[in-house]
Amino acid sequence: MTHFDSGSVDWNPEIARVAQDMAGRLRARGVETSDTDSPIEIAAILDAVEAFEGAVMARGGDLMMDEPPVRGFAQPDDRHFLLPRRSADETVAHYVRRLVAATATVRNHTPDSNEG
């Protein structure tokens, strides 16, 4: 598993701008980020979220149904397709591990229209 080091990237205005953009894209998907998350950590979360979404789409999931609006509730067509939420005190490394595990579950899951 990847080791994250918040201090490994020196502050740079361009890197900060890109990290803010990525954090905004995550927030639009309902994924919280913290001011203490480094640009590398934010990129790792975004990569893991995009891998999860790709797995959902490959299994026939509809991201418009499976991802709730910000601060809203989802009614996924399959509960396995719901993007895991990051808890307020959860480290980036732990959240990324959960996303990787959820992605593997989706890839190995056979959708069942009777599940909720």
C-alpha atoms as a PDB file:
ATOM      1  CA  MET A   1       0.000   0.000   0.000  1.00  0.00           C
ATOM      2  CA  THR A   2       1.141   3.511  -0.703  1.00  0.00           C
ATOM      3  CA  HIS A   3       2.647   5.506   2.131  1.00  0.00           C
ATOM      4  CA  PHE A   4       1.532   9.130   2.252  1.00  0.00           C
ATOM      5  CA  ASP A   5       3.845  11.857   3.480  1.00  0.00           C
ATOM      6  CA  SER A   6       2.209  15.259   3.822  1.00  0.00           C
ATOM      7  CA  GLY A   7       5.563  17.000   3.982  1.00  0.00           C
ATOM      8  CA  SER A   8       6.912  15.546   0.756  1.00  0.00           C
ATOM      9  CA  VAL A   9       5.637  18.375  -1.466  1.00  0.00           C
ATOM     10  CA  ASP A  10       6.900  21.911  -0.910  1.00  0.00           C
ATOM     11  CA  TRP A  11       4.264  24.604  -1.102  1.00  0.00           C
ATOM     12  CA  ASN A  12       3.920  25.896  -4.624  1.00  0.00           C
ATOM     13  CA  PRO A  13       1.093  28.139  -5.846  1.00  0.00           C
ATOM     14  CA  GLU A  14       0.467  26.023  -8.961  1.00  0.00           C
ATOM     15  CA  ILE A  15       0.396  22.778  -6.967  1.00  0.00           C
ATOM     16  CA  ALA A  16      -1.921  24.421  -4.435  1.00  0.00           C
ATOM     17  CA  ARG A  17      -4.261  25.548  -7.232  1.00  0.00           C
ATOM     18  CA  VAL A  18      -4.386  22.057  -8.755  1.00  0.00           C
ATOM     19  CA  ALA A  19      -4.953  20.490  -5.319  1.00  0.00           C
ATOM     20  CA  GLN A  20      -7.823  22.914  -4.651  1.00  0.00           C
ATOM     21  CA  ASP A  21      -9.343  22.007  -8.013  1.00  0.00           C
ATOM     22  CA  MET A  22      -9.086  18.272  -7.238  1.00  0.00           C
ATOM     23  CA  ALA A  23     -10.539  18.827  -3.753  1.00  0.00           C
ATOM     24  CA  GLY A  24     -13.454  20.690  -5.335  1.00  0.00           C
ATOM     25  CA  ARG A  25     -14.099  17.784  -7.704  1.00  0.00           C
ATOM     26  CA  LEU A  26     -14.091  15.429  -4.727  1.00  0.00           C
ATOM     27  CA  ARG A  27     -16.483  17.619  -2.732  1.00  0.00           C
ATOM     28  CA  ALA A  28     -18.815  17.678  -5.759  1.00  0.00           C
ATOM     29  CA  ARG A  29     -18.921  13.885  -5.451  1.00  0.00           C
ATOM     30  CA  GLY A  30     -19.660  14.109  -1.729  1.00  0.00           C
ATOM     31  CA  VAL A  31     -16.117  13.260  -0.596  1.00  0.00           C
ATOM     32  CA  GLU A  32     -14.789  15.487   2.155  1.00  0.00           C
ATOM     33  CA  THR A  33     -11.201  16.689   2.177  1.00  0.00           C
ATOM     34  CA  SER A  34      -9.275  18.402   4.928  1.00  0.00           C
ATOM     35  CA  ASP A  35      -6.951  21.393   4.917  1.00  0.00           C
ATOM     36  CA  THR A  36      -4.323  19.014   6.295  1.00  0.00           C
ATOM     37  CA  ASP A  37      -4.573  16.699   3.269  1.00  0.00           C
ATOM     38  CA  SER A  38      -1.514  17.181   1.085  1.00  0.00           C
ATOM     39  CA  PRO A  39      -1.768  17.555  -2.694  1.00  0.00           C
ATOM     40  CA  ILE A  40      -0.411  13.989  -3.023  1.00  0.00           C
ATOM     41  CA  GLU A  41      -3.090  12.701  -0.661  1.00  0.00           C
ATOM     42  CA  ILE A  42      -5.857  14.552  -2.489  1.00  0.00           C
ATOM     43  CA  ALA A  43      -4.623  13.097  -5.789  1.00  0.00           C
ATOM     44  CA  ALA A  44      -4.613   9.605  -4.236  1.00  0.00           C
ATOM     45  CA  ILE A  45      -8.217  10.016  -3.081  1.00  0.00           C
ATOM     46  CA  LEU A  46      -9.294  11.295  -6.501  1.00  0.00           C
ATOM     47  CA  ASP A  47      -7.549   8.383  -8.243  1.00  0.00           C
ATOM     48  CA  ALA A  48      -9.239   5.877  -5.913  1.00  0.00           C
ATOM     49  CA  VAL A  49     -12.663   7.521  -6.362  1.00  0.00           C
ATOM     50  CA  GLU A  50     -12.293   7.501 -10.144  1.00  0.00           C
ATOM     51  CA  ALA A  51     -11.259   3.816 -10.075  1.00  0.00           C
ATOM     52  CA  PHE A  52     -14.343   3.040  -7.971  1.00  0.00           C
ATOM     53  CA  GLU A  53     -16.606   4.965 -10.353  1.00  0.00           C
ATOM     54  CA  GLY A  54     -15.041   3.208 -13.336  1.00  0.00           C
ATOM     55  CA  ALA A  55     -15.754  -0.158 -11.741  1.00  0.00           C
ATOM     56  CA  VAL A  56     -19.370   0.871 -11.057  1.00  0.00           C
ATOM     57  CA  MET A  57     -19.878   1.969 -14.660  1.00  0.00           C
ATOM     58  CA  ALA A  58     -18.246  -1.226 -15.968  1.00  0.00           C
ATOM     59  CA  ARG A  59     -20.814  -3.198 -13.951  1.00  0.00           C
ATOM     60  CA  GLY A  60     -23.707  -1.218 -15.384  1.00  0.00           C
ATOM     61  CA  GLY A  61     -24.148   1.221 -12.520  1.00  0.00           C
ATOM     62  CA  ASP A  62     -25.514   4.699 -13.066  1.00  0.00           C
ATOM     63  CA  LEU A  63     -23.436   7.270 -11.183  1.00  0.00           C
ATOM     64  CA  MET A  64     -26.312   9.754 -11.234  1.00  0.00           C
ATOM     65  CA  MET A  65     -28.342   7.268  -9.188  1.00  0.00           C
ATOM     66  CA  ASP A  66     -25.526   5.820  -7.110  1.00  0.00           C
ATOM     67  CA  GLU A  67     -23.894   9.025  -5.894  1.00  0.00           C
ATOM     68  CA  PRO A  68     -26.021  11.303  -3.736  1.00  0.00           C
ATOM     69  CA  PRO A  69     -26.084  15.056  -4.161  1.00  0.00           C
ATOM     70  CA  VAL A  70     -23.826  16.880  -1.721  1.00  0.00           C
ATOM     71  CA  ARG A  71     -25.321  16.466   1.750  1.00  0.00           C
ATOM     72  CA  GLY A  72     -28.069  14.358   0.215  1.00  0.00           C
ATOM     73  CA  PHE A  73     -29.046  10.728   0.324  1.00  0.00           C
ATOM     74  CA  ALA A  74     -28.564   8.188  -2.434  1.00  0.00           C
ATOM     75  CA  GLN A  75     -30.927   5.512  -3.539  1.00  0.00           C
ATOM     76  CA  PRO A  76     -28.480   3.377  -5.496  1.00  0.00           C
ATOM     77  CA  ASP A  77     -29.713   0.800  -7.961  1.00  0.00           C
ATOM     78  CA  ASP A  78     -27.331  -1.566  -6.137  1.00  0.00           C
ATOM     79  CA  ARG A  79     -25.991  -0.849  -2.633  1.00  0.00           C
ATOM     80  CA  HIS A  80     -22.517  -2.026  -3.713  1.00  0.00           C
ATOM     81  CA  PHE A  81     -22.377   0.925  -6.122  1.00  0.00           C
ATOM     82  CA  LEU A  82     -22.640   3.575  -3.409  1.00  0.00           C
ATOM     83  CA  LEU A  83     -19.388   5.515  -3.005  1.00  0.00           C
ATOM     84  CA  PRO A  84     -18.076   5.034   0.548  1.00  0.00           C
ATOM     85  CA  ARG A  85     -18.119   8.214   2.630  1.00  0.00           C
ATOM     86  CA  ARG A  86     -15.002   9.455   4.383  1.00  0.00           C
ATOM     87  CA  SER A  87     -15.498  10.026   8.097  1.00  0.00           C
ATOM     88  CA  ALA A  88     -14.319  13.309   9.588  1.00  0.00           C
ATOM     89  CA  ASP A  89     -11.440  11.734  11.507  1.00  0.00           C
ATOM     90  CA  GLU A  90     -10.428   9.178   8.864  1.00  0.00           C
ATOM     91  CA  THR A  91      -6.890   9.345   7.502  1.00  0.00           C
ATOM     92  CA  VAL A  92      -6.335   9.513   3.787  1.00  0.00           C
ATOM     93  CA  ALA A  93      -4.456   6.205   3.824  1.00  0.00           C
ATOM     94  CA  HIS A  94      -7.346   4.435   5.576  1.00  0.00           C
ATOM     95  CA  TYR A  95      -9.968   5.949   3.284  1.00  0.00           C
ATOM     96  CA  VAL A  96      -8.000   5.016   0.164  1.00  0.00           C
ATOM     97  CA  ARG A  97      -7.673   1.431   1.465  1.00  0.00           C
ATOM     98  CA  ARG A  98     -11.461   1.313   1.954  1.00  0.00           C
ATOM     99  CA  LEU A  99     -12.007   2.664  -1.556  1.00  0.00           C
ATOM    100  CA  VAL A 100      -9.642   0.070  -3.042  1.00  0.00           C
ATOM    101  CA  ALA A 101     -11.505  -2.689  -1.170  1.00  0.00           C
ATOM    102  CA  ALA A 102     -14.887  -1.321  -2.294  1.00  0.00           C
ATOM    103  CA  THR A 103     -13.631  -1.162  -5.889  1.00  0.00           C
ATOM    104  CA  ALA A 104     -12.562  -4.816  -5.720  1.00  0.00           C
ATOM    105  CA  THR A 105     -15.984  -5.723  -4.323  1.00  0.00           C
ATOM    106  CA  VAL A 106     -17.731  -3.914  -7.189  1.00  0.00           C
ATOM    107  CA  ARG A 107     -15.502  -5.582  -9.790  1.00  0.00           C
ATOM    108  CA  ASN A 108     -16.353  -9.008  -8.354  1.00  0.00           C
ATOM    109  CA  HIS A 109     -20.038  -8.311  -7.737  1.00  0.00           C
ATOM    110  CA  THR A 110     -22.816  -9.513  -9.990  1.00  0.00           C
ATOM    111  CA  PRO A 111     -25.510  -6.841  -9.936  1.00  0.00           C
ATOM    112  CA  ASP A 112     -28.882  -8.042  -8.732  1.00  0.00           C
ATOM    113  CA  SER A 113     -31.853  -5.866  -9.550  1.00  0.00           C
ATOM    114  CA  ASN A 114     -33.577  -7.144  -6.391  1.00  0.00           C
ATOM    115  CA  GLU A 115     -30.908  -5.666  -4.111  1.00  0.00           C
ATOM    116  CA  GLY A 116     -31.211  -2.180  -2.666  1.00  0.00           C
END
